[in-house]
Amino acid sequence: MPNPKRRHSQQRSAKRRTHYKAETVTLSKDSTTGELHVRHRAHVSEGKLMYKGKVVAEKSPIN
């Protein structure tokens, strides 16, 4: 396998990494409950797992 003949400088690595930054998440308002949640993710509302305004799963009581 080819290997670099000399090591890369720290400046060269930093230039490559300049575009790696955290982005803010996009929030949406649920049409049925009116709660804010992260887009394209299921969220819990009143003990129910919701996605796209529909109930995906309900929390069952454990005996």
PDB file of N, CA and C in Angstrom:
ATOM      1  N   MET A   1       0.839  -1.181   0.000  1.00  0.00           N
ATOM      2  CA  MET A   1       0.000   0.000   0.000  1.00  0.00           C
ATOM      3  C   MET A   1       0.878   1.237   0.000  1.00  0.00           C
ATOM      4  N   PRO A   2       0.490   2.239  -0.768  1.00  0.00           N
ATOM      5  CA  PRO A   2       1.296   3.460  -0.793  1.00  0.00           C
ATOM      6  C   PRO A   2       1.143   4.260   0.489  1.00  0.00           C
ATOM      7  N   ASN A   3       2.235   4.783   0.947  1.00  0.00           N
ATOM      8  CA  ASN A   3       2.266   5.617   2.140  1.00  0.00           C
ATOM      9  C   ASN A   3       2.893   6.954   1.796  1.00  0.00           C
ATOM     10  N   PRO A   4       2.513   8.011   2.512  1.00  0.00           N
ATOM     11  CA  PRO A   4       3.125   9.298   2.231  1.00  0.00           C
ATOM     12  C   PRO A   4       4.611   9.290   2.595  1.00  0.00           C
ATOM     13  N   LYS A   5       5.409   9.952   1.764  1.00  0.00           N
ATOM     14  CA  LYS A   5       6.852   9.989   2.015  1.00  0.00           C
ATOM     15  C   LYS A   5       7.169  10.876   3.212  1.00  0.00           C
ATOM     16  N   ARG A   6       6.420  11.969   3.353  1.00  0.00           N
ATOM     17  CA  ARG A   6       6.612  12.869   4.489  1.00  0.00           C
ATOM     18  C   ARG A   6       5.256  13.128   5.132  1.00  0.00           C
ATOM     19  N   ARG A   7       5.258  13.478   6.408  1.00  0.00           N
ATOM     20  CA  ARG A   7       3.990  13.715   7.108  1.00  0.00           C
ATOM     21  C   ARG A   7       3.358  15.024   6.643  1.00  0.00           C
ATOM     22  N   HIS A   8       2.049  15.076   6.711  1.00  0.00           N
ATOM     23  CA  HIS A   8       1.324  16.290   6.365  1.00  0.00           C
ATOM     24  C   HIS A   8       1.416  17.263   7.535  1.00  0.00           C
ATOM     25  N   SER A   9       1.476  18.541   7.218  1.00  0.00           N
ATOM     26  CA  SER A   9       1.547  19.554   8.272  1.00  0.00           C
ATOM     27  C   SER A   9       0.192  19.697   8.955  1.00  0.00           C
ATOM     28  N   GLN A  10       0.209  20.269  10.146  1.00  0.00           N
ATOM     29  CA  GLN A  10      -1.041  20.507  10.881  1.00  0.00           C
ATOM     30  C   GLN A  10      -1.914  21.510  10.132  1.00  0.00           C
ATOM     31  N   GLN A  11      -1.269  22.469   9.471  1.00  0.00           N
ATOM     32  CA  GLN A  11      -2.026  23.473   8.730  1.00  0.00           C
ATOM     33  C   GLN A  11      -2.780  22.826   7.571  1.00  0.00           C
ATOM     34  N   ARG A  12      -2.156  21.857   6.928  1.00  0.00           N
ATOM     35  CA  ARG A  12      -2.802  21.187   5.801  1.00  0.00           C
ATOM     36  C   ARG A  12      -4.026  20.393   6.269  1.00  0.00           C
ATOM     37  N   SER A  13      -3.896  19.748   7.430  1.00  0.00           N
ATOM     38  CA  SER A  13      -5.032  19.011   7.982  1.00  0.00           C
ATOM     39  C   SER A  13      -6.144  19.965   8.391  1.00  0.00           C
ATOM     40  N   ALA A  14      -5.782  21.099   8.973  1.00  0.00           N
ATOM     41  CA  ALA A  14      -6.777  22.074   9.420  1.00  0.00           C
ATOM     42  C   ALA A  14      -7.519  22.667   8.229  1.00  0.00           C
ATOM     43  N   LYS A  15      -6.831  22.882   7.113  1.00  0.00           N
ATOM     44  CA  LYS A  15      -7.492  23.407   5.920  1.00  0.00           C
ATOM     45  C   LYS A  15      -8.540  22.429   5.407  1.00  0.00           C
ATOM     46  N   ARG A  16      -8.252  21.162   5.497  1.00  0.00           N
ATOM     47  CA  ARG A  16      -9.185  20.147   5.029  1.00  0.00           C
ATOM     48  C   ARG A  16     -10.405  20.080   5.936  1.00  0.00           C
ATOM     49  N   ARG A  17     -10.225  20.352   7.221  1.00  0.00           N
ATOM     50  CA  ARG A  17     -11.307  20.215   8.196  1.00  0.00           C
ATOM     51  C   ARG A  17     -12.095  21.496   8.425  1.00  0.00           C
ATOM     52  N   THR A  18     -11.855  22.556   7.666  1.00  0.00           N
ATOM     53  CA  THR A  18     -12.528  23.827   7.930  1.00  0.00           C
ATOM     54  C   THR A  18     -14.028  23.742   7.725  1.00  0.00           C
ATOM     55  N   HIS A  19     -14.508  22.827   6.908  1.00  0.00           N
ATOM     56  CA  HIS A  19     -15.930  22.769   6.599  1.00  0.00           C
ATOM     57  C   HIS A  19     -16.686  21.819   7.508  1.00  0.00           C
ATOM     58  N   TYR A  20     -15.993  21.153   8.443  1.00  0.00           N
ATOM     59  CA  TYR A  20     -16.669  20.267   9.397  1.00  0.00           C
ATOM     60  C   TYR A  20     -17.163  21.110  10.553  1.00  0.00           C
ATOM     61  N   LYS A  21     -18.454  21.390  10.594  1.00  0.00           N
ATOM     62  CA  LYS A  21     -18.991  22.177  11.692  1.00  0.00           C
ATOM     63  C   LYS A  21     -20.388  21.682  12.026  1.00  0.00           C
ATOM     64  N   ALA A  22     -20.787  21.912  13.232  1.00  0.00           N
ATOM     65  CA  ALA A  22     -22.107  21.475  13.690  1.00  0.00           C
ATOM     66  C   ALA A  22     -23.169  22.393  13.093  1.00  0.00           C
ATOM     67  N   GLU A  23     -24.257  21.786  12.680  1.00  0.00           N
ATOM     68  CA  GLU A  23     -25.371  22.554  12.135  1.00  0.00           C
ATOM     69  C   GLU A  23     -26.540  22.500  13.103  1.00  0.00           C
ATOM     70  N   THR A  24     -27.369  23.514  13.065  1.00  0.00           N
ATOM     71  CA  THR A  24     -28.541  23.517  13.939  1.00  0.00           C
ATOM     72  C   THR A  24     -29.590  22.571  13.359  1.00  0.00           C
ATOM     73  N   VAL A  25     -30.305  21.895  14.246  1.00  0.00           N
ATOM     74  CA  VAL A  25     -31.334  20.971  13.794  1.00  0.00           C
ATOM     75  C   VAL A  25     -32.577  21.753  13.395  1.00  0.00           C
ATOM     76  N   THR A  26     -33.308  21.224  12.425  1.00  0.00           N
ATOM     77  CA  THR A  26     -34.529  21.854  11.964  1.00  0.00           C
ATOM     78  C   THR A  26     -35.703  21.299  12.753  1.00  0.00           C
ATOM     79  N   LEU A  27     -36.471  22.181  13.343  1.00  0.00           N
ATOM     80  CA  LEU A  27     -37.620  21.762  14.137  1.00  0.00           C
ATOM     81  C   LEU A  27     -38.906  21.944  13.335  1.00  0.00           C
ATOM     82  N   SER A  28     -39.840  21.027  13.554  1.00  0.00           N
ATOM     83  CA  SER A  28     -41.146  21.106  12.917  1.00  0.00           C
ATOM     84  C   SER A  28     -42.229  21.076  13.976  1.00  0.00           C
ATOM     85  N   LYS A  29     -43.393  21.581  13.613  1.00  0.00           N
ATOM     86  CA  LYS A  29     -44.531  21.559  14.515  1.00  0.00           C
ATOM     87  C   LYS A  29     -45.442  20.414  14.091  1.00  0.00           C
ATOM     88  N   ASP A  30     -45.754  19.537  15.028  1.00  0.00           N
ATOM     89  CA  ASP A  30     -46.621  18.402  14.739  1.00  0.00           C
ATOM     90  C   ASP A  30     -48.028  18.905  14.447  1.00  0.00           C
ATOM     91  N   SER A  31     -48.620  18.401  13.379  1.00  0.00           N
ATOM     92  CA  SER A  31     -49.934  18.894  12.963  1.00  0.00           C
ATOM     93  C   SER A  31     -51.044  18.472  13.918  1.00  0.00           C
ATOM     94  N   THR A  32     -50.910  17.305  14.559  1.00  0.00           N
ATOM     95  CA  THR A  32     -51.979  16.831  15.431  1.00  0.00           C
ATOM     96  C   THR A  32     -51.829  17.318  16.861  1.00  0.00           C
ATOM     97  N   THR A  33     -50.608  17.292  17.410  1.00  0.00           N
ATOM     98  CA  THR A  33     -50.417  17.675  18.811  1.00  0.00           C
ATOM     99  C   THR A  33     -49.928  19.103  18.979  1.00  0.00           C
ATOM    100  N   GLY A  34     -49.308  19.672  17.955  1.00  0.00           N
ATOM    101  CA  GLY A  34     -48.807  21.039  18.036  1.00  0.00           C
ATOM    102  C   GLY A  34     -47.462  21.161  18.724  1.00  0.00           C
ATOM    103  N   GLU A  35     -46.799  20.035  19.036  1.00  0.00           N
ATOM    104  CA  GLU A  35     -45.500  20.068  19.703  1.00  0.00           C
ATOM    105  C   GLU A  35     -44.376  20.221  18.689  1.00  0.00           C
ATOM    106  N   LEU A  36     -43.277  20.821  19.132  1.00  0.00           N
ATOM    107  CA  LEU A  36     -42.092  20.926  18.292  1.00  0.00           C
ATOM    108  C   LEU A  36     -41.271  19.649  18.409  1.00  0.00           C
ATOM    109  N   HIS A  37     -40.705  19.195  17.287  1.00  0.00           N
ATOM    110  CA  HIS A  37     -39.868  17.999  17.275  1.00  0.00           C
ATOM    111  C   HIS A  37     -38.865  18.106  16.136  1.00  0.00           C
ATOM    112  N   VAL A  38     -37.859  17.258  16.161  1.00  0.00           N
ATOM    113  CA  VAL A  38     -36.839  17.242  15.117  1.00  0.00           C
ATOM    114  C   VAL A  38     -37.459  16.651  13.857  1.00  0.00           C
ATOM    115  N   ARG A  39     -37.187  17.255  12.722  1.00  0.00           N
ATOM    116  CA  ARG A  39     -37.768  16.790  11.464  1.00  0.00           C
ATOM    117  C   ARG A  39     -37.316  15.376  11.119  1.00  0.00           C
ATOM    118  N   HIS A  40     -38.209  14.628  10.504  1.00  0.00           N
ATOM    119  CA  HIS A  40     -37.943  13.269  10.009  1.00  0.00           C
ATOM    120  C   HIS A  40     -37.497  12.316  11.111  1.00  0.00           C
ATOM    121  N   ARG A  41     -37.967  12.546  12.314  1.00  0.00           N
ATOM    122  CA  ARG A  41     -37.665  11.659  13.435  1.00  0.00           C
ATOM    123  C   ARG A  41     -38.956  11.402  14.205  1.00  0.00           C
ATOM    124  N   ALA A  42     -39.106  10.189  14.707  1.00  0.00           N
ATOM    125  CA  ALA A  42     -40.252   9.880  15.556  1.00  0.00           C
ATOM    126  C   ALA A  42     -40.049  10.566  16.899  1.00  0.00           C
ATOM    127  N   HIS A  43     -41.150  10.961  17.540  1.00  0.00           N
ATOM    128  CA  HIS A  43     -41.062  11.639  18.828  1.00  0.00           C
ATOM    129  C   HIS A  43     -42.170  11.139  19.747  1.00  0.00           C
ATOM    130  N   VAL A  44     -41.922  11.238  21.052  1.00  0.00           N
ATOM    131  CA  VAL A  44     -42.882  10.775  22.044  1.00  0.00           C
ATOM    132  C   VAL A  44     -43.788  11.932  22.436  1.00  0.00           C
ATOM    133  N   SER A  45     -45.077  11.688  22.400  1.00  0.00           N
ATOM    134  CA  SER A  45     -46.059  12.680  22.781  1.00  0.00           C
ATOM    135  C   SER A  45     -47.152  11.985  23.576  1.00  0.00           C
ATOM    136  N   GLU A  46     -47.308  12.385  24.841  1.00  0.00           N
ATOM    137  CA  GLU A  46     -48.321  11.820  25.735  1.00  0.00           C
ATOM    138  C   GLU A  46     -48.202  10.302  25.844  1.00  0.00           C
ATOM    139  N   GLY A  47     -46.989   9.795  25.909  1.00  0.00           N
ATOM    140  CA  GLY A  47     -46.746   8.361  26.066  1.00  0.00           C
ATOM    141  C   GLY A  47     -46.902   7.560  24.788  1.00  0.00           C
ATOM    142  N   LYS A  48     -47.077   8.230  23.653  1.00  0.00           N
ATOM    143  CA  LYS A  48     -47.234   7.542  22.372  1.00  0.00           C
ATOM    144  C   LYS A  48     -46.110   7.966  21.444  1.00  0.00           C
ATOM    145  N   LEU A  49     -45.613   7.024  20.665  1.00  0.00           N
ATOM    146  CA  LEU A  49     -44.570   7.316  19.690  1.00  0.00           C
ATOM    147  C   LEU A  49     -45.248   7.767  18.411  1.00  0.00           C
ATOM    148  N   MET A  50     -44.981   9.001  18.000  1.00  0.00           N
ATOM    149  CA  MET A  50     -45.640   9.596  16.838  1.00  0.00           C
ATOM    150  C   MET A  50     -44.645   9.775  15.708  1.00  0.00           C
ATOM    151  N   TYR A  51     -45.125   9.610  14.467  1.00  0.00           N
ATOM    152  CA  TYR A  51     -44.326   9.903  13.282  1.00  0.00           C
ATOM    153  C   TYR A  51     -45.269  10.304  12.163  1.00  0.00           C
ATOM    154  N   LYS A  52     -45.007  11.444  11.552  1.00  0.00           N
ATOM    155  CA  LYS A  52     -45.833  12.007  10.485  1.00  0.00           C
ATOM    156  C   LYS A  52     -47.285  12.184  10.922  1.00  0.00           C
ATOM    157  N   GLY A  53     -47.490  12.558  12.188  1.00  0.00           N
ATOM    158  CA  GLY A  53     -48.821  12.824  12.690  1.00  0.00           C
ATOM    159  C   GLY A  53     -49.636  11.594  13.031  1.00  0.00           C
ATOM    160  N   LYS A  54     -49.029  10.421  12.948  1.00  0.00           N
ATOM    161  CA  LYS A  54     -49.742   9.181  13.246  1.00  0.00           C
ATOM    162  C   LYS A  54     -49.068   8.453  14.403  1.00  0.00           C
ATOM    163  N   VAL A  55     -49.847   7.666  15.142  1.00  0.00           N
ATOM    164  CA  VAL A  55     -49.311   6.886  16.247  1.00  0.00           C
ATOM    165  C   VAL A  55     -48.614   5.659  15.685  1.00  0.00           C
ATOM    166  N   VAL A  56     -47.329   5.501  16.019  1.00  0.00           N
ATOM    167  CA  VAL A  56     -46.550   4.348  15.567  1.00  0.00           C
ATOM    168  C   VAL A  56     -46.594   3.259  16.604  1.00  0.00           C
ATOM    169  N   ALA A  57     -46.436   3.630  17.884  1.00  0.00           N
ATOM    170  CA  ALA A  57     -46.473   2.650  18.964  1.00  0.00           C
ATOM    171  C   ALA A  57     -46.988   3.319  20.221  1.00  0.00           C
ATOM    172  N   GLU A  58     -47.655   2.531  21.044  1.00  0.00           N
ATOM    173  CA  GLU A  58     -48.134   3.031  22.315  1.00  0.00           C
ATOM    174  C   GLU A  58     -47.398   2.318  23.436  1.00  0.00           C
ATOM    175  N   LYS A  59     -47.207   3.014  24.534  1.00  0.00           N
ATOM    176  CA  LYS A  59     -46.522   2.428  25.674  1.00  0.00           C
ATOM    177  C   LYS A  59     -47.493   1.495  26.395  1.00  0.00           C
ATOM    178  N   SER A  60     -47.130   0.217  26.498  1.00  0.00           N
ATOM    179  CA  SER A  60     -47.997  -0.736  27.167  1.00  0.00           C
ATOM    180  C   SER A  60     -47.644  -0.807  28.642  1.00  0.00           C
ATOM    181  N   PRO A  61     -48.659  -0.931  29.520  1.00  0.00           N
ATOM    182  CA  PRO A  61     -48.364  -1.026  30.956  1.00  0.00           C
ATOM    183  C   PRO A  61     -47.702  -2.359  31.278  1.00  0.00           C
ATOM    184  N   ILE A  62     -46.664  -2.320  32.081  1.00  0.00           N
ATOM    185  CA  ILE A  62     -45.946  -3.533  32.475  1.00  0.00           C
ATOM    186  C   ILE A  62     -46.514  -3.996  33.800  1.00  0.00           C
ATOM    187  N   ASN A  63     -46.903  -5.261  33.863  1.00  0.00           N
ATOM    188  CA  ASN A  63     -47.493  -5.828  35.088  1.00  0.00           C
ATOM    189  C   ASN A  63     -46.429  -6.263  36.049  1.00  0.00           C
TER     190      ASN A  63
END
